[in-house]
Amino acid sequence: MTEVSEHRRVLKMLEEGTITAAEADKLLKALGSEPGLSEAGAPGQTESADLSGLVEGALSSLKSAGLFGWGSAHSFEREVTGTFSPGAVEDQGWVDLRGAARNGRIEVSGWDSEEYRVVIRTKVRGGDREQAREVAERFCQVEQGDAVLTVDGRGTDMPPNSSVSLDVFLPEKYRYNVDLLTSNGRIEIDHLRCKDLVAASSNGRVACQKIEAEDVELETSNGRIEVGGVSGSVRAHTSNGRI
């Protein structure tokens, strides 16, 4: 394998998160600051210079960002509260609830309150605490409306090895149209009236308790599905787990 290919391989591993930026830096230094020239001479020099610049730019940007994705973990907790508009909910017939997490759990419960409450727990690796806080707030977005609540913790700029978990408390008096999605975490829903309920995870269990709904669709992989006290049509699918 040529030195050029070796450099590209290291960059690919860095991009995929297989190795850390520090490890990539060591590998690149071991390979030499620049790949060797090709037999053609000038073209090899051009490719070598371009690749060297790419290497330095990639490592520089990671270092300036605090090497997010590796190193010390910073945990944060953010709370979002509000109320739905009774008139808007009556006109629509339900509240639209959309929740998405990554590498973390989602728990949704009905409670005896006029107010809804969402607790967003995030974990970010790398940088100092203030840098990590800015990153955490950026990759978890919240939309609040008269009859809608969306919490999306799957930001495209979310660093590797980070996580988002959601705890959601909703007024029991309303009916909800629920769509929940996470990876590497469980989903639990209880004490809720729903039009439709869709919950999907990977590498985590999905559990529904005391749910009144028209349609319930539950899916996971490498985890079990638990259903108790649920009315309505239920479809459940898992792999490597029991129902």
Protein backbone atom coordinates (compact mmCIF):
# COMPACT_ATOMS: atom_id res chain seq x y z
CA MET A 1 0.00 0.00 0.00
CA THR A 2 1.40 3.45 -0.94
CA GLU A 3 2.03 6.17 1.62
CA VAL A 4 -0.76 8.21 0.04
CA SER A 5 -3.19 5.34 0.59
CA GLU A 6 -1.97 4.91 4.15
CA HIS A 7 -2.62 8.59 4.90
CA ARG A 8 -6.10 8.37 3.39
CA ARG A 9 -6.80 5.25 5.43
CA VAL A 10 -5.88 7.06 8.65
CA LEU A 11 -8.14 9.99 7.73
CA LYS A 12 -10.99 7.59 6.99
CA MET A 13 -10.56 5.90 10.36
CA LEU A 14 -10.56 9.31 12.05
CA GLU A 15 -13.74 10.33 10.21
CA GLU A 16 -15.54 7.12 11.22
CA GLY A 17 -14.45 7.47 14.84
CA THR A 18 -12.44 4.24 14.81
CA ILE A 19 -9.45 6.12 16.18
CA THR A 20 -9.12 9.33 18.16
CA ALA A 21 -7.62 12.53 16.80
CA ALA A 22 -4.58 12.04 19.04
CA GLU A 23 -4.09 8.52 17.69
CA ALA A 24 -4.49 9.77 14.13
CA ASP A 25 -1.90 12.46 14.78
CA LYS A 26 0.59 9.86 15.99
CA LEU A 27 -0.07 7.57 13.02
CA LEU A 28 0.33 10.39 10.53
CA LYS A 29 3.58 11.49 12.15
CA ALA A 30 4.82 7.88 12.03
CA LEU A 31 4.00 7.76 8.33
CA GLY A 32 5.78 11.04 7.73
CA SER A 33 4.46 14.58 7.42
CA GLU A 34 3.87 14.05 3.70
CA PRO A 35 3.38 10.97 1.53
CA GLY A 36 6.14 10.07 -0.88
CA LEU A 37 6.20 11.29 -4.49
CA SER A 38 4.63 9.24 -7.21
CA GLU A 39 6.66 7.95 -10.13
CA ALA A 40 5.17 10.70 -12.26
CA GLY A 41 6.89 13.37 -10.16
CA ALA A 42 4.86 16.57 -10.34
CA PRO A 43 1.40 14.95 -10.00
CA GLY A 44 2.66 13.11 -6.95
CA GLN A 45 3.89 16.37 -5.47
CA THR A 46 0.49 17.99 -6.04
CA GLU A 47 -1.39 15.09 -4.52
CA SER A 48 1.05 14.97 -1.62
CA ALA A 49 0.62 18.68 -0.91
CA ASP A 50 -3.17 18.50 -1.13
CA LEU A 51 -3.33 15.50 1.18
CA SER A 52 -0.92 17.07 3.65
CA GLY A 53 -3.12 20.16 3.78
CA LEU A 54 -6.19 17.98 4.30
CA VAL A 55 -4.50 16.15 7.16
CA GLU A 56 -3.42 19.35 8.88
CA GLY A 57 -6.82 20.97 8.36
CA ALA A 58 -8.74 18.00 9.76
CA LEU A 59 -6.57 17.74 12.85
CA SER A 60 -6.52 21.50 13.36
CA SER A 61 -10.30 21.79 13.26
CA LEU A 62 -10.69 18.91 15.71
CA LYS A 63 -8.17 20.42 18.10
CA SER A 64 -9.75 23.87 17.96
CA ALA A 65 -13.14 22.32 18.70
CA GLY A 66 -11.75 20.62 21.78
CA LEU A 67 -11.53 17.15 20.25
CA PHE A 68 -15.24 16.56 20.77
CA GLY A 69 -16.14 12.91 20.80
CA TRP A 70 -13.20 11.85 22.96
CA GLY A 71 -11.81 12.65 26.38
CA SER A 72 -13.66 13.68 29.53
CA ALA A 73 -17.47 13.47 29.57
CA HIS A 74 -19.61 16.47 30.51
CA SER A 75 -23.22 15.89 31.58
CA PHE A 76 -25.97 18.50 31.40
CA GLU A 77 -29.63 18.71 32.34
CA ARG A 78 -32.07 21.10 30.68
CA GLU A 79 -35.73 21.55 31.57
CA VAL A 80 -38.47 22.71 29.21
CA THR A 81 -41.98 23.49 30.51
CA GLY A 82 -45.16 24.93 29.06
CA THR A 83 -48.89 24.47 28.54
CA PHE A 84 -50.97 23.49 25.54
CA SER A 85 -53.89 25.60 24.33
CA PRO A 86 -57.17 23.83 25.24
CA GLY A 87 -58.88 25.44 22.23
CA ALA A 88 -56.17 24.34 19.79
CA VAL A 89 -56.17 20.81 21.19
CA GLU A 90 -59.96 20.62 20.93
CA ASP A 91 -59.90 21.84 17.33
CA GLN A 92 -57.20 19.34 16.31
CA GLY A 93 -58.46 16.54 18.51
CA TRP A 94 -55.08 15.72 19.99
CA VAL A 95 -51.57 16.99 20.74
CA ASP A 96 -48.76 15.99 18.36
CA LEU A 97 -45.80 14.68 20.36
CA ARG A 98 -42.54 13.91 18.59
CA GLY A 99 -39.52 12.76 20.59
CA ALA A 100 -36.14 11.60 19.34
CA ALA A 101 -33.01 10.69 21.28
CA ARG A 102 -29.69 9.05 20.53
CA ASN A 103 -27.70 6.63 22.66
CA GLY A 104 -30.21 7.23 25.44
CA ARG A 105 -33.67 6.46 26.79
CA ILE A 106 -37.08 8.08 26.29
CA GLU A 107 -39.65 7.94 29.09
CA VAL A 108 -43.12 9.46 28.62
CA SER A 109 -45.70 9.60 31.41
CA GLY A 110 -49.07 11.20 31.95
CA TRP A 111 -49.51 13.23 35.13
CA ASP A 112 -52.14 15.26 36.95
CA SER A 113 -50.97 18.73 35.95
CA GLU A 114 -51.98 21.41 33.45
CA GLU A 115 -48.32 21.85 32.53
CA TYR A 116 -46.02 19.63 30.51
CA ARG A 117 -42.41 19.14 31.52
CA VAL A 118 -39.47 17.81 29.51
CA VAL A 119 -36.12 16.98 31.08
CA ILE A 120 -33.33 16.71 28.50
CA ARG A 121 -30.18 14.98 29.69
CA THR A 122 -27.15 15.23 27.42
CA LYS A 123 -23.59 13.96 27.62
CA VAL A 124 -20.75 15.33 25.50
CA ARG A 125 -17.14 14.19 25.45
CA GLY A 126 -14.27 16.61 24.85
CA GLY A 127 -13.53 20.29 25.25
CA ASP A 128 -13.95 22.25 28.45
CA ARG A 129 -17.34 22.39 30.18
CA GLU A 130 -18.54 25.62 28.58
CA GLN A 131 -17.57 24.45 25.09
CA ALA A 132 -19.37 21.17 25.70
CA ARG A 133 -22.48 23.01 26.97
CA GLU A 134 -22.70 25.06 23.76
CA VAL A 135 -22.42 21.90 21.67
CA ALA A 136 -25.06 20.07 23.75
CA GLU A 137 -27.59 22.90 23.41
CA ARG A 138 -27.03 23.05 19.67
CA PHE A 139 -27.72 19.42 18.79
CA CYS A 140 -30.98 19.10 20.77
CA GLN A 141 -33.80 21.24 19.37
CA VAL A 142 -37.22 21.90 20.94
CA GLU A 143 -40.39 23.11 19.19
CA GLN A 144 -43.31 24.20 21.36
CA GLY A 145 -46.77 25.08 20.03
CA ASP A 146 -50.44 25.30 21.01
CA ALA A 147 -51.00 21.63 20.21
CA VAL A 148 -47.53 20.34 19.37
CA LEU A 149 -44.36 19.44 21.22
CA THR A 150 -41.24 18.27 19.40
CA VAL A 151 -37.92 17.40 21.04
CA ASP A 152 -35.27 16.28 18.55
CA GLY A 153 -31.98 15.13 20.04
CA ARG A 154 -30.46 13.78 16.83
CA GLY A 155 -28.65 16.89 15.57
CA THR A 156 -26.43 16.29 12.54
CA ASP A 157 -23.53 18.02 14.31
CA MET A 158 -23.77 15.73 17.32
CA PRO A 159 -20.20 14.56 18.17
CA PRO A 160 -19.35 10.84 18.42
CA ASN A 161 -19.83 9.15 21.79
CA SER A 162 -22.46 11.69 22.85
CA SER A 163 -25.94 10.92 24.15
CA VAL A 164 -29.40 12.43 24.65
CA SER A 165 -32.09 11.08 26.98
CA LEU A 166 -35.61 12.46 27.44
CA ASP A 167 -38.05 12.36 30.37
CA VAL A 168 -41.44 13.74 29.32
CA PHE A 169 -44.41 14.44 31.61
CA LEU A 170 -47.73 15.27 29.93
CA PRO A 171 -51.16 16.42 31.16
CA GLU A 172 -53.34 13.32 31.41
CA LYS A 173 -56.49 15.17 30.28
CA TYR A 174 -55.32 15.47 26.67
CA ARG A 175 -55.13 12.92 23.87
CA TYR A 176 -51.83 12.51 22.02
CA ASN A 177 -50.50 11.47 18.64
CA VAL A 178 -47.10 10.05 19.64
CA ASP A 179 -44.00 9.26 17.59
CA LEU A 180 -40.85 8.26 19.53
CA LEU A 181 -37.46 7.17 18.20
CA THR A 182 -34.13 6.38 19.84
CA SER A 183 -31.06 4.20 19.44
CA ASN A 184 -29.12 2.28 22.06
CA GLY A 185 -31.71 3.04 24.70
CA ARG A 186 -35.09 2.00 26.05
CA ILE A 187 -38.52 3.57 25.53
CA GLU A 188 -41.19 3.54 28.25
CA ILE A 189 -44.70 5.02 27.96
CA ASP A 190 -47.37 4.88 30.65
CA HIS A 191 -50.68 6.45 31.69
CA LEU A 192 -51.50 8.09 28.37
CA ARG A 193 -54.49 8.46 26.04
CA CYS A 194 -53.45 8.39 22.40
CA LYS A 195 -54.80 8.54 18.90
CA ASP A 196 -51.79 6.67 17.50
CA LEU A 197 -48.60 5.64 19.27
CA VAL A 198 -45.41 4.69 17.42
CA ALA A 199 -42.24 3.82 19.36
CA ALA A 200 -39.05 2.46 17.81
CA SER A 201 -35.65 1.75 19.33
CA SER A 202 -32.54 -0.27 18.66
CA ASN A 203 -30.58 -2.11 21.31
CA GLY A 204 -33.17 -1.32 23.95
CA ARG A 205 -36.50 -2.51 25.27
CA VAL A 206 -39.86 -0.89 24.54
CA ALA A 207 -42.56 -0.94 27.22
CA CYS A 208 -46.15 0.36 27.27
CA GLN A 209 -48.34 0.36 30.37
CA LYS A 210 -51.89 1.66 30.85
CA ILE A 211 -52.26 3.09 27.34
CA GLU A 212 -55.56 3.86 25.62
CA ALA A 213 -55.05 4.19 21.86
CA GLU A 214 -56.52 3.43 18.46
CA ASP A 215 -53.28 2.04 17.05
CA VAL A 216 -50.02 1.11 18.78
CA GLU A 217 -46.90 0.17 16.82
CA LEU A 218 -43.79 -0.95 18.72
CA GLU A 219 -40.45 -1.98 17.27
CA THR A 220 -36.95 -2.68 18.54
CA SER A 221 -33.91 -4.84 17.93
CA ASN A 222 -31.78 -6.65 20.47
CA GLY A 223 -34.40 -5.95 23.12
CA ARG A 224 -37.75 -7.09 24.46
CA ILE A 225 -41.21 -5.54 24.13
CA GLU A 226 -43.56 -5.34 27.12
CA VAL A 227 -47.26 -4.48 26.85
CA GLY A 228 -49.66 -4.29 29.77
CA GLY A 229 -53.09 -2.68 30.11
CA VAL A 230 -53.09 -1.39 26.54
CA SER A 231 -56.32 -1.00 24.57
CA GLY A 232 -56.58 -0.73 20.80
CA SER A 233 -54.79 -2.43 17.91
CA VAL A 234 -51.22 -3.41 18.80
CA ARG A 235 -48.42 -4.40 16.41
CA ALA A 236 -45.07 -5.36 17.90
CA HIS A 237 -41.84 -6.52 16.29
CA THR A 238 -38.41 -7.29 17.71
CA SER A 239 -35.31 -9.25 16.85
CA ASN A 240 -33.12 -11.00 19.41
CA GLY A 241 -35.67 -10.37 22.12
CA ARG A 242 -39.00 -11.57 23.48
CA ILE A 243 -42.47 -10.03 23.42
